[in-house]
Amino acid sequence: MSATTHKIWLLAGETSGDELGAKLIKALRHFNPDLKFYGVGGTKMQEQGMEILFPMQDLAVMGLVEVLPKIHMLSNRLNQAAQDIQLKQPDVVVTIDSPGFSLRLLKKIADLHIPRVHYVAPQVWAWHESRVKKFPGLWEKLLCLLPFEKSFFAKHGLDSAFVGHPILETDVHHGNGQQFRKEHQVPETAPVLLLMPGSRRSELPKLMPVFKQTLVLLKRQLHDVVAVIPTSPLAKEHVEHTVQDWPIKPIIIHDQQDKYNAYAAANAALTKSGTTTLELALAKVPMIVTYRVNPITAMIARRMIKVPYVCMLNLLANKEVVPELLQEDCNPAHLTATLLGLLTDPQKAKAQQDAFTEIMHQLSGPNDELPSRVAAKEILGMING
């Protein structure tokens, strides 16, 4: 390492990006303790010593209707970030996920000739593949979390590196099931079902009523089943309000360690699609994936989606390891029947768990090194040439 103090400017726009950014800063410091960090992020990146320009909450806006009133503020934040980069003259700029803001910033600073890295590849391989045409010239290096992304972007002439998935750096699979059962007074023999409807306001109203009826039907056949809803602090109040009229009350948890303990205690999970499925697979929890959106949205999505599966585990396995009950199949009768099979047939559960081991191994970075350290090496390589 050079004796010169190098500067790295980072941007994260949401909670997952803040967590990823904090791990990245820690990994970068592992190789060079003298690095200085500036940019936009959350409390976790700040705790790792990054100087925050403005709070990332300003960028956490989803959906067209929600964005419209904030266009002026977002435009100001974009200019502010670009001006700060010009002022700081960092050795490299790293944007983490949040493509709506990140890619605009990368384009805006192109004339500064500072090396640019985008961490977490936009999932254009699933739909909107035509958007790839807009990517050349936005970054010097793309860091991918999924093994098949490198070849996908290579065929479009974009340089990328597979670094591994950050889920492998969590303690998801280190929960204590016995502790969970003891603390929540769940009998040793009672089957534990995780209900995971997501945390977004757009998801909860569509899935919670279906989960309610599914639990009622399931309880008629498995009398001692215990339902658990792990939720985020942001969604906790909404979930608690929603379950007030449920005839069977689930256990609601939002503490992270309590969630990991619940994973260890669980016999099965009914979950929305998304990163949650990777968490559950790492914790070896057999699952069913479900989702329901507006019928018109679903019709449009079916025409645009280019991949055969919605669940990331099935995409990585290239076969349906986990049942996908979407849209019309996301109904209490169908969900209950499939859950019963998973909860009462040990072979079905074991088949999933065996597949999870192989699938999760695909997410390991080169040489089984921590993904954050692989990413750090890629970034430092751009500084040191």
Protein backbone atom coordinates (compact mmCIF):
# COMPACT_ATOMS: atom_id res chain seq x y z
CA MET A 1 0.00 0.00 0.00
CA SER A 2 1.12 3.52 -0.77
CA ALA A 3 1.86 5.89 2.11
CA THR A 4 -0.65 8.29 0.52
CA THR A 5 -4.00 8.44 2.31
CA HIS A 6 -6.57 7.31 -0.21
CA LYS A 7 -10.18 8.53 -0.23
CA ILE A 8 -13.20 6.45 -1.15
CA TRP A 9 -16.61 8.03 -1.76
CA LEU A 10 -19.59 5.69 -1.27
CA LEU A 11 -23.33 5.94 -1.82
CA ALA A 12 -26.04 3.72 -0.30
CA GLY A 13 -29.72 4.59 -0.61
CA GLU A 14 -31.51 1.99 1.52
CA THR A 15 -31.08 -0.24 4.58
CA SER A 16 -29.69 -3.25 2.71
CA GLY A 17 -27.17 -0.98 0.97
CA ASP A 18 -26.14 0.55 4.29
CA GLU A 19 -25.44 -2.94 5.69
CA LEU A 20 -23.51 -3.90 2.56
CA GLY A 21 -21.58 -0.63 2.69
CA ALA A 22 -20.64 -1.09 6.35
CA LYS A 23 -19.24 -4.58 5.63
CA LEU A 24 -17.36 -3.18 2.64
CA ILE A 25 -15.77 -0.36 4.67
CA LYS A 26 -14.72 -2.87 7.33
CA ALA A 27 -13.16 -5.10 4.66
CA LEU A 28 -11.38 -2.18 2.99
CA ARG A 29 -9.95 -1.13 6.36
CA HIS A 30 -8.73 -4.71 6.86
CA PHE A 31 -6.41 -4.20 3.89
CA ASN A 32 -5.66 -0.51 4.52
CA PRO A 33 -6.48 1.02 7.93
CA ASP A 34 -5.61 4.53 6.69
CA LEU A 35 -8.40 4.88 4.13
CA LYS A 36 -10.81 7.83 4.45
CA PHE A 37 -14.51 7.38 3.64
CA TYR A 38 -17.04 9.98 2.53
CA GLY A 39 -20.48 9.93 0.97
CA VAL A 40 -24.12 9.03 1.59
CA GLY A 41 -25.22 6.16 3.81
CA GLY A 42 -26.96 5.18 7.01
CA THR A 43 -26.03 4.64 10.63
CA LYS A 44 -24.09 1.43 10.00
CA MET A 45 -21.75 3.06 7.50
CA GLN A 46 -21.42 6.04 9.82
CA GLU A 47 -20.49 3.68 12.67
CA GLN A 48 -17.68 2.38 10.46
CA GLY A 49 -16.26 5.90 10.27
CA MET A 50 -17.76 7.28 7.06
CA GLU A 51 -18.38 11.04 6.93
CA ILE A 52 -22.03 11.44 5.90
CA LEU A 53 -22.98 14.16 3.40
CA PHE A 54 -26.76 13.81 3.90
CA PRO A 55 -29.00 11.05 5.32
CA MET A 56 -29.78 8.21 2.93
CA GLN A 57 -33.44 8.31 4.02
CA ASP A 58 -33.82 11.20 1.58
CA LEU A 59 -33.32 8.70 -1.25
CA ALA A 60 -35.53 5.89 0.09
CA VAL A 61 -38.51 6.63 -2.15
CA MET A 62 -40.29 3.87 -4.10
CA GLY A 63 -42.96 4.04 -6.77
CA LEU A 64 -43.82 6.71 -9.35
CA VAL A 65 -46.55 8.39 -7.30
CA GLU A 66 -44.27 8.61 -4.25
CA VAL A 67 -41.36 10.00 -6.29
CA LEU A 68 -43.24 12.83 -8.03
CA PRO A 69 -43.54 15.18 -5.00
CA LYS A 70 -39.85 14.63 -4.22
CA ILE A 71 -38.33 15.13 -7.66
CA HIS A 72 -37.00 18.60 -6.78
CA MET A 73 -35.41 17.37 -3.55
CA LEU A 74 -33.89 14.32 -5.28
CA SER A 75 -32.49 16.54 -8.04
CA ASN A 76 -30.88 18.78 -5.41
CA ARG A 77 -29.40 15.76 -3.64
CA LEU A 78 -28.01 14.49 -6.94
CA ASN A 79 -26.28 17.83 -7.58
CA GLN A 80 -25.05 17.98 -3.99
CA ALA A 81 -23.50 14.49 -4.24
CA ALA A 82 -21.82 15.27 -7.58
CA GLN A 83 -20.42 18.57 -6.22
CA ASP A 84 -19.06 16.81 -3.12
CA ILE A 85 -17.29 14.23 -5.29
CA GLN A 86 -15.77 17.01 -7.38
CA LEU A 87 -14.64 18.78 -4.20
CA LYS A 88 -13.25 15.69 -2.43
CA GLN A 89 -11.59 14.21 -5.56
CA PRO A 90 -11.68 10.65 -4.19
CA ASP A 91 -9.60 7.84 -5.66
CA VAL A 92 -12.72 5.86 -6.45
CA VAL A 93 -16.53 6.26 -6.23
CA VAL A 94 -18.59 3.24 -5.16
CA THR A 95 -22.38 3.25 -5.57
CA ILE A 96 -24.28 0.44 -3.85
CA ASP A 97 -27.55 -0.82 -5.37
CA SER A 98 -30.35 1.87 -5.55
CA PRO A 99 -29.98 2.09 -9.36
CA GLY A 100 -32.57 4.87 -9.70
CA PHE A 101 -30.23 7.35 -7.99
CA SER A 102 -26.87 5.56 -8.29
CA LEU A 103 -26.77 5.29 -12.08
CA ARG A 104 -27.77 8.94 -12.49
CA LEU A 105 -24.92 9.95 -10.20
CA LEU A 106 -22.39 7.78 -12.05
CA LYS A 107 -23.45 9.39 -15.33
CA LYS A 108 -23.27 12.89 -13.85
CA ILE A 109 -19.66 12.48 -12.65
CA ALA A 110 -18.35 10.84 -15.84
CA ASP A 111 -16.42 13.98 -16.85
CA LEU A 112 -14.44 13.92 -13.57
CA HIS A 113 -12.55 10.82 -14.78
CA ILE A 114 -12.64 9.24 -11.31
CA PRO A 115 -12.86 5.40 -11.36
CA ARG A 116 -16.45 4.30 -10.72
CA VAL A 117 -17.67 1.02 -9.25
CA HIS A 118 -21.28 -0.11 -9.01
CA TYR A 119 -21.88 -2.77 -6.34
CA VAL A 120 -24.93 -5.06 -6.82
CA ALA A 121 -25.76 -5.56 -10.47
CA PRO A 122 -29.17 -4.26 -11.65
CA GLN A 123 -31.37 -7.32 -12.21
CA VAL A 124 -31.98 -6.60 -15.88
CA TRP A 125 -31.42 -10.29 -16.66
CA ALA A 126 -34.88 -10.95 -15.16
CA TRP A 127 -36.68 -8.30 -17.19
CA HIS A 128 -35.95 -5.11 -19.14
CA GLU A 129 -32.84 -6.67 -20.74
CA SER A 130 -32.92 -3.79 -23.22
CA ARG A 131 -31.84 -1.46 -20.39
CA VAL A 132 -28.36 -2.95 -20.61
CA LYS A 133 -27.80 -0.72 -23.64
CA LYS A 134 -27.77 2.29 -21.28
CA PHE A 135 -25.00 0.87 -19.04
CA PRO A 136 -21.79 1.24 -21.11
CA GLY A 137 -19.85 4.25 -19.84
CA LEU A 138 -21.59 4.37 -16.44
CA TRP A 139 -18.90 2.51 -14.49
CA GLU A 140 -15.43 1.04 -14.83
CA LYS A 141 -16.29 -2.04 -12.77
CA LEU A 142 -19.52 -3.84 -11.85
CA LEU A 143 -19.53 -6.07 -8.75
CA CYS A 144 -22.05 -8.95 -8.97
CA LEU A 145 -23.63 -10.93 -6.12
CA LEU A 146 -24.88 -13.82 -8.25
CA PRO A 147 -22.65 -16.26 -10.16
CA PHE A 148 -24.50 -16.15 -13.51
CA GLU A 149 -24.43 -12.35 -13.75
CA LYS A 150 -20.79 -12.12 -14.86
CA SER A 151 -21.43 -14.05 -18.09
CA PHE A 152 -24.70 -12.18 -18.68
CA PHE A 153 -23.00 -8.78 -18.58
CA ALA A 154 -19.95 -10.06 -20.48
CA LYS A 155 -22.14 -10.89 -23.49
CA HIS A 156 -23.19 -7.24 -23.46
CA GLY A 157 -19.55 -6.09 -23.37
CA LEU A 158 -19.58 -4.98 -19.72
CA ASP A 159 -16.69 -5.77 -17.37
CA SER A 160 -17.86 -7.30 -14.10
CA ALA A 161 -16.63 -9.43 -11.22
CA PHE A 162 -18.53 -12.00 -9.16
CA VAL A 163 -17.68 -11.32 -5.52
CA GLY A 164 -20.18 -13.56 -3.68
CA HIS A 165 -23.40 -12.84 -1.80
CA PRO A 166 -23.38 -10.86 1.48
CA ILE A 167 -26.01 -13.19 2.97
CA LEU A 168 -23.09 -15.54 3.72
CA GLU A 169 -21.63 -12.97 6.12
CA THR A 170 -24.72 -12.88 8.36
CA ASP A 171 -25.47 -15.02 11.43
CA VAL A 172 -28.78 -16.23 10.00
CA HIS A 173 -27.79 -19.88 10.49
CA HIS A 174 -26.53 -19.41 14.05
CA GLY A 175 -29.86 -19.19 15.86
CA ASN A 176 -30.89 -21.11 18.97
CA GLY A 177 -34.18 -22.92 18.43
CA GLN A 178 -34.49 -24.19 21.99
CA GLN A 179 -34.03 -20.69 23.35
CA PHE A 180 -36.79 -19.41 21.06
CA ARG A 181 -39.22 -22.11 22.17
CA LYS A 182 -38.42 -21.46 25.83
CA GLU A 183 -38.73 -17.66 25.63
CA HIS A 184 -42.01 -17.80 23.71
CA GLN A 185 -43.43 -20.84 25.54
CA VAL A 186 -43.66 -22.99 22.42
CA PRO A 187 -43.89 -26.75 23.23
CA GLU A 188 -40.96 -28.87 22.03
CA THR A 189 -43.16 -30.96 19.74
CA ALA A 190 -45.26 -28.13 18.26
CA PRO A 191 -44.53 -27.44 14.57
CA VAL A 192 -43.37 -23.84 14.04
CA LEU A 193 -44.43 -22.08 10.85
CA LEU A 194 -42.80 -18.80 9.81
CA LEU A 195 -45.10 -16.37 8.00
CA MET A 196 -43.09 -13.79 6.06
CA PRO A 197 -45.30 -11.33 4.17
CA GLY A 198 -42.58 -8.70 3.66
CA SER A 199 -42.30 -5.25 5.18
CA ARG A 200 -43.46 -2.93 2.40
CA ARG A 201 -46.85 -1.28 2.70
CA SER A 202 -47.64 -2.45 -0.84
CA GLU A 203 -47.03 -6.12 0.06
CA LEU A 204 -48.67 -6.49 3.48
CA PRO A 205 -52.31 -5.75 2.53
CA LYS A 206 -52.18 -8.30 -0.31
CA LEU A 207 -50.58 -11.15 1.61
CA MET A 208 -51.74 -10.79 5.23
CA PRO A 209 -55.42 -11.69 4.58
CA VAL A 210 -54.33 -14.79 2.64
CA PHE A 211 -51.93 -15.78 5.44
CA LYS A 212 -54.74 -15.33 7.99
CA GLN A 213 -57.08 -17.73 6.19
CA THR A 214 -54.26 -20.19 5.48
CA LEU A 215 -53.42 -20.33 9.18
CA VAL A 216 -57.08 -20.98 10.05
CA LEU A 217 -57.27 -23.88 7.58
CA LEU A 218 -53.90 -25.29 8.66
CA LYS A 219 -54.83 -25.20 12.36
CA ARG A 220 -57.85 -27.44 11.65
CA GLN A 221 -55.50 -30.19 10.49
CA LEU A 222 -52.39 -29.45 12.59
CA HIS A 223 -53.92 -28.43 15.92
CA ASP A 224 -50.66 -27.56 17.67
CA VAL A 225 -49.05 -25.51 14.88
CA VAL A 226 -47.55 -22.20 16.07
CA ALA A 227 -47.20 -19.29 13.65
CA VAL A 228 -44.41 -16.73 13.91
CA ILE A 229 -44.15 -13.47 11.95
CA PRO A 230 -40.64 -11.95 11.91
CA THR A 231 -40.98 -8.34 10.86
CA SER A 232 -38.94 -5.16 10.63
CA PRO A 233 -39.28 -2.37 13.21
CA LEU A 234 -40.88 -0.24 10.46
CA ALA A 235 -43.59 -2.82 9.72
CA LYS A 236 -44.12 -4.05 13.29
CA GLU A 237 -46.93 -1.61 14.14
CA HIS A 238 -48.82 -2.35 10.92
CA VAL A 239 -48.50 -6.12 11.39
CA GLU A 240 -49.60 -5.96 15.03
CA HIS A 241 -52.66 -3.92 14.05
CA THR A 242 -53.51 -6.34 11.21
CA VAL A 243 -53.43 -9.50 13.37
CA GLN A 244 -55.76 -8.08 16.05
CA ASP A 245 -58.78 -9.74 14.41
CA TRP A 246 -56.98 -13.02 13.60
CA PRO A 247 -58.67 -15.94 15.37
CA ILE A 248 -55.24 -17.56 15.80
CA LYS A 249 -52.66 -15.11 17.11
CA PRO A 250 -49.14 -15.45 15.71
CA ILE A 251 -46.00 -14.57 17.66
CA ILE A 252 -44.62 -11.30 16.27
CA ILE A 253 -40.89 -10.62 16.55
CA HIS A 254 -38.63 -7.87 15.22
CA ASP A 255 -35.37 -8.36 17.11
CA GLN A 256 -32.70 -9.75 14.77
CA GLN A 257 -31.35 -12.43 17.13
CA ASP A 258 -34.90 -13.47 18.01
CA LYS A 259 -35.54 -13.84 14.28
CA TYR A 260 -32.48 -16.06 13.84
CA ASN A 261 -33.61 -18.15 16.83
CA ALA A 262 -37.05 -18.47 15.22
CA TYR A 263 -35.39 -19.71 12.02
CA ALA A 264 -33.60 -22.39 14.06
CA ALA A 265 -36.89 -23.45 15.66
CA ALA A 266 -38.93 -23.41 12.43
CA ASN A 267 -40.21 -26.49 10.62
CA ALA A 268 -41.31 -24.57 7.54
CA ALA A 269 -41.90 -21.07 6.17
CA LEU A 270 -44.46 -19.38 3.95
CA THR A 271 -42.63 -16.42 2.48
CA LYS A 272 -42.84 -13.76 -0.20
CA SER A 273 -40.16 -13.89 -2.88
CA GLY A 274 -36.97 -11.90 -2.31
CA THR A 275 -33.76 -12.01 -0.26
CA THR A 276 -35.70 -13.65 2.58
CA THR A 277 -35.59 -16.92 0.65
CA LEU A 278 -31.77 -16.89 0.78
CA GLU A 279 -31.87 -16.26 4.53
CA LEU A 280 -34.21 -19.18 5.06
CA ALA A 281 -32.13 -21.47 2.84
CA LEU A 282 -28.97 -20.61 4.76
CA ALA A 283 -30.83 -21.48 7.98
CA LYS A 284 -32.09 -24.72 6.33
CA VAL A 285 -35.79 -23.82 6.71
CA PRO A 286 -37.98 -25.61 4.12
CA MET A 287 -40.32 -23.12 2.45
CA ILE A 288 -43.04 -22.20 0.02
CA VAL A 289 -42.72 -18.97 -1.96
CA THR A 290 -45.81 -16.94 -2.72
CA TYR A 291 -46.69 -13.51 -4.04
CA ARG A 292 -49.72 -11.56 -5.19
CA VAL A 293 -49.88 -8.24 -7.01
CA ASN A 294 -52.54 -6.27 -8.86
CA PRO A 295 -53.87 -8.48 -11.75
CA ILE A 296 -52.94 -5.85 -14.36
CA THR A 297 -49.41 -5.58 -12.93
CA ALA A 298 -49.16 -9.38 -13.00
CA MET A 299 -50.26 -9.51 -16.64
CA ILE A 300 -47.63 -6.95 -17.65
CA ALA A 301 -44.94 -8.64 -15.55
CA ARG A 302 -45.61 -12.05 -17.13
CA ARG A 303 -44.95 -10.56 -20.55
CA MET A 304 -41.73 -8.87 -19.43
CA ILE A 305 -40.12 -11.44 -17.12
CA LYS A 306 -37.49 -13.43 -19.00
CA VAL A 307 -36.62 -16.03 -16.34
CA PRO A 308 -38.46 -19.31 -15.62
CA TYR A 309 -38.71 -18.81 -11.85
CA VAL A 310 -39.42 -15.99 -9.41
CA CYS A 311 -37.54 -17.52 -6.46
CA MET A 312 -33.77 -16.94 -6.53
CA LEU A 313 -33.16 -20.44 -5.12
CA ASN A 314 -34.94 -22.02 -8.08
CA LEU A 315 -33.04 -19.80 -10.53
CA LEU A 316 -29.72 -20.86 -9.02
CA ALA A 317 -30.73 -24.54 -8.99
CA ASN A 318 -32.22 -24.24 -12.50
CA LYS A 319 -35.21 -26.28 -11.31
CA GLU A 320 -38.12 -25.88 -8.89
CA VAL A 321 -36.62 -26.81 -5.52
CA VAL A 322 -39.10 -24.55 -3.70
CA PRO A 323 -42.81 -24.50 -4.66
CA GLU A 324 -43.86 -21.15 -6.18
CA LEU A 325 -47.54 -20.37 -5.58
CA LEU A 326 -48.11 -17.01 -7.27
CA GLN A 327 -51.15 -14.89 -8.13
CA GLU A 328 -54.11 -17.29 -8.64
CA ASP A 329 -52.23 -20.03 -6.75
CA CYS A 330 -51.72 -17.68 -3.81
CA ASN A 331 -54.95 -18.78 -2.15
CA PRO A 332 -55.58 -20.31 1.31
CA ALA A 333 -56.65 -23.77 0.07
CA HIS A 334 -53.64 -24.26 -2.19
CA LEU A 335 -51.16 -22.82 0.34
CA THR A 336 -52.57 -25.00 3.14
CA ALA A 337 -52.38 -28.22 1.13
CA THR A 338 -48.77 -27.53 0.11
CA LEU A 339 -47.75 -26.54 3.63
CA LEU A 340 -49.29 -29.69 5.07
CA GLY A 341 -47.16 -31.76 2.73
CA LEU A 342 -44.02 -29.91 3.84
CA LEU A 343 -44.86 -30.10 7.57
CA THR A 344 -45.92 -33.76 7.63
CA ASP A 345 -43.62 -35.39 5.07
CA PRO A 346 -39.98 -35.40 6.30
CA GLN A 347 -38.74 -36.41 2.83
CA LYS A 348 -40.13 -33.24 1.22
CA ALA A 349 -38.44 -31.09 3.84
CA LYS A 350 -35.13 -32.98 3.54
CA ALA A 351 -35.14 -32.72 -0.27
CA GLN A 352 -35.26 -28.92 0.03
CA GLN A 353 -32.60 -28.80 2.75
CA ASP A 354 -30.20 -30.99 0.75
CA ALA A 355 -30.66 -28.74 -2.29
CA PHE A 356 -30.06 -25.59 -0.18
CA THR A 357 -26.51 -26.73 0.70
CA GLU A 358 -25.51 -26.91 -2.96
CA ILE A 359 -27.33 -23.71 -3.93
CA MET A 360 -25.81 -21.60 -1.15
CA HIS A 361 -22.33 -22.86 -2.02
CA GLN A 362 -22.77 -21.20 -5.43
CA LEU A 363 -23.01 -17.85 -3.64
CA SER A 364 -19.52 -18.15 -2.11
CA GLY A 365 -16.94 -15.77 -3.50
CA PRO A 366 -13.74 -16.93 -5.20
CA ASN A 367 -11.70 -19.30 -2.98
CA ASP A 368 -14.53 -19.19 -0.39
CA GLU A 369 -13.27 -15.77 0.73
CA LEU A 370 -15.71 -13.40 2.45
CA PRO A 371 -17.69 -11.55 -0.26
CA SER A 372 -16.94 -8.15 1.30
CA ARG A 373 -13.19 -8.83 1.12
CA VAL A 374 -13.40 -9.96 -2.50
CA ALA A 375 -15.26 -6.71 -3.27
CA ALA A 376 -12.68 -4.71 -1.30
CA LYS A 377 -9.83 -6.23 -3.32
CA GLU A 378 -11.56 -5.33 -6.59
CA ILE A 379 -11.97 -1.72 -5.45
CA LEU A 380 -8.43 -1.39 -4.10
CA GLY A 381 -7.13 -2.84 -7.36
CA MET A 382 -8.63 0.17 -9.15
CA ILE A 383 -6.84 2.55 -6.79
CA ASN A 384 -3.47 0.84 -6.99
CA GLY A 385 -3.67 0.09 -10.67
